[in-house]
Amino acid sequence: MATDVPDNILQVQELPEEVTSEMLEALFKQFPGYIQVRLLVDKRLAYIEFDNDSQAGVALSGLKGFKLSPTQTLNVTYAKK
């Protein structure tokens, strides 16, 4: 479940089937504090972990609405604590 309460873990929902953990890592590792991606392929969901809430917030701001394709955008929120 996603929330607006800051957390060091981001949740990405409604991912296209062709998205891989390597693709997500390439997007998120450009932000300071990146630790890892955990992709749940069967649920089309991923969790991206950062060192702290503020670093996760910078990544959230930078990638919210990022276009994965002409028709699909990245659905990024804070993960629920």
C-alpha atoms as a PDB file:
ATOM      1  CA  MET A   1       0.000   0.000   0.000  1.00  0.00           C
ATOM      2  CA  ALA A   2       1.295   3.446  -0.912  1.00  0.00           C
ATOM      3  CA  THR A   3       1.180   6.623   1.113  1.00  0.00           C
ATOM      4  CA  ASP A   4       2.229  10.281   1.073  1.00  0.00           C
ATOM      5  CA  VAL A   5       4.099   9.904   4.378  1.00  0.00           C
ATOM      6  CA  PRO A   6       7.850  10.124   3.684  1.00  0.00           C
ATOM      7  CA  ASP A   7       9.733   6.838   3.865  1.00  0.00           C
ATOM      8  CA  ASN A   8      13.141   5.615   2.680  1.00  0.00           C
ATOM      9  CA  ILE A   9      11.418   3.059   0.435  1.00  0.00           C
ATOM     10  CA  LEU A  10       9.554   4.022  -2.719  1.00  0.00           C
ATOM     11  CA  GLN A  11       6.865   1.905  -4.339  1.00  0.00           C
ATOM     12  CA  VAL A  12       6.392   1.725  -8.112  1.00  0.00           C
ATOM     13  CA  GLN A  13       3.056   0.292  -9.249  1.00  0.00           C
ATOM     14  CA  GLU A  14       1.407  -0.832 -12.488  1.00  0.00           C
ATOM     15  CA  LEU A  15       4.699  -1.625 -14.204  1.00  0.00           C
ATOM     16  CA  PRO A  16       4.617  -2.924 -17.775  1.00  0.00           C
ATOM     17  CA  GLU A  17       5.497  -6.630 -18.033  1.00  0.00           C
ATOM     18  CA  GLU A  18       8.677  -5.889 -19.986  1.00  0.00           C
ATOM     19  CA  VAL A  19      10.229  -3.776 -17.205  1.00  0.00           C
ATOM     20  CA  THR A  20      13.202  -5.459 -15.504  1.00  0.00           C
ATOM     21  CA  SER A  21      14.967  -4.757 -12.221  1.00  0.00           C
ATOM     22  CA  GLU A  22      17.994  -3.643 -14.275  1.00  0.00           C
ATOM     23  CA  MET A  23      15.880  -1.003 -16.037  1.00  0.00           C
ATOM     24  CA  LEU A  24      14.567   0.322 -12.731  1.00  0.00           C
ATOM     25  CA  GLU A  25      18.044   0.276 -11.205  1.00  0.00           C
ATOM     26  CA  ALA A  26      19.363   2.368 -14.093  1.00  0.00           C
ATOM     27  CA  LEU A  27      16.680   4.988 -13.398  1.00  0.00           C
ATOM     28  CA  PHE A  28      16.953   5.129  -9.619  1.00  0.00           C
ATOM     29  CA  LYS A  29      20.683   4.638  -9.032  1.00  0.00           C
ATOM     30  CA  GLN A  30      21.358   8.100 -10.463  1.00  0.00           C
ATOM     31  CA  PHE A  31      19.942   9.514  -7.204  1.00  0.00           C
ATOM     32  CA  PRO A  32      22.101   9.754  -4.055  1.00  0.00           C
ATOM     33  CA  GLY A  33      21.434   7.162  -1.374  1.00  0.00           C
ATOM     34  CA  TYR A  34      20.173   4.435  -3.725  1.00  0.00           C
ATOM     35  CA  ILE A  35      20.481   0.969  -2.137  1.00  0.00           C
ATOM     36  CA  GLN A  36      18.459  -1.558  -4.135  1.00  0.00           C
ATOM     37  CA  VAL A  37      15.430  -2.493  -6.262  1.00  0.00           C
ATOM     38  CA  ARG A  38      13.111  -5.349  -5.344  1.00  0.00           C
ATOM     39  CA  LEU A  39      10.883  -6.211  -8.313  1.00  0.00           C
ATOM     40  CA  LEU A  40       7.784  -8.365  -7.846  1.00  0.00           C
ATOM     41  CA  VAL A  41       7.160  -9.361 -11.471  1.00  0.00           C
ATOM     42  CA  ASP A  42       3.925 -11.249 -10.812  1.00  0.00           C
ATOM     43  CA  LYS A  43       2.413  -8.164  -9.159  1.00  0.00           C
ATOM     44  CA  ARG A  44       3.958  -5.616 -11.562  1.00  0.00           C
ATOM     45  CA  LEU A  45       5.280  -3.813  -8.489  1.00  0.00           C
ATOM     46  CA  ALA A  46       8.711  -2.730  -7.273  1.00  0.00           C
ATOM     47  CA  TYR A  47      10.215  -1.334  -4.094  1.00  0.00           C
ATOM     48  CA  ILE A  48      13.247   0.951  -4.308  1.00  0.00           C
ATOM     49  CA  GLU A  49      15.229   1.475  -1.137  1.00  0.00           C
ATOM     50  CA  PHE A  50      17.271   4.564  -0.242  1.00  0.00           C
ATOM     51  CA  ASP A  51      19.463   5.442   2.751  1.00  0.00           C
ATOM     52  CA  ASN A  52      16.893   7.866   4.171  1.00  0.00           C
ATOM     53  CA  ASP A  53      13.538   9.572   3.648  1.00  0.00           C
ATOM     54  CA  SER A  54      14.940  12.765   2.150  1.00  0.00           C
ATOM     55  CA  GLN A  55      17.002  10.936  -0.478  1.00  0.00           C
ATOM     56  CA  ALA A  56      13.945   8.867  -1.413  1.00  0.00           C
ATOM     57  CA  GLY A  57      11.971  12.115  -1.681  1.00  0.00           C
ATOM     58  CA  VAL A  58      14.463  13.584  -4.158  1.00  0.00           C
ATOM     59  CA  ALA A  59      14.166  10.453  -6.321  1.00  0.00           C
ATOM     60  CA  LEU A  60      10.381  10.520  -6.015  1.00  0.00           C
ATOM     61  CA  SER A  61      10.260  14.148  -7.179  1.00  0.00           C
ATOM     62  CA  GLY A  62      12.696  13.446  -9.996  1.00  0.00           C
ATOM     63  CA  LEU A  63      10.956  10.380 -11.405  1.00  0.00           C
ATOM     64  CA  LYS A  64       7.266  10.836 -10.604  1.00  0.00           C
ATOM     65  CA  GLY A  65       5.491  10.837 -13.947  1.00  0.00           C
ATOM     66  CA  PHE A  66       8.635   9.737 -15.839  1.00  0.00           C
ATOM     67  CA  LYS A  67       7.623   8.370 -19.247  1.00  0.00           C
ATOM     68  CA  LEU A  68       8.543   4.699 -19.629  1.00  0.00           C
ATOM     69  CA  SER A  69       6.950   4.713 -23.079  1.00  0.00           C
ATOM     70  CA  PRO A  70       4.762   7.126 -25.048  1.00  0.00           C
ATOM     71  CA  THR A  71       1.693   5.750 -23.240  1.00  0.00           C
ATOM     72  CA  GLN A  72       2.991   4.710 -19.800  1.00  0.00           C
ATOM     73  CA  THR A  73       4.355   6.819 -16.977  1.00  0.00           C
ATOM     74  CA  LEU A  74       6.127   5.734 -13.803  1.00  0.00           C
ATOM     75  CA  ASN A  75       3.680   5.520 -10.876  1.00  0.00           C
ATOM     76  CA  VAL A  76       5.964   6.282  -7.885  1.00  0.00           C
ATOM     77  CA  THR A  77       4.843   6.841  -4.292  1.00  0.00           C
ATOM     78  CA  TYR A  78       6.256   6.331  -0.816  1.00  0.00           C
ATOM     79  CA  ALA A  79       5.823   2.773   0.482  1.00  0.00           C
ATOM     80  CA  LYS A  80       3.635   2.371   3.553  1.00  0.00           C
ATOM     81  CA  LYS A  81       5.583   1.976   6.792  1.00  0.00           C
END
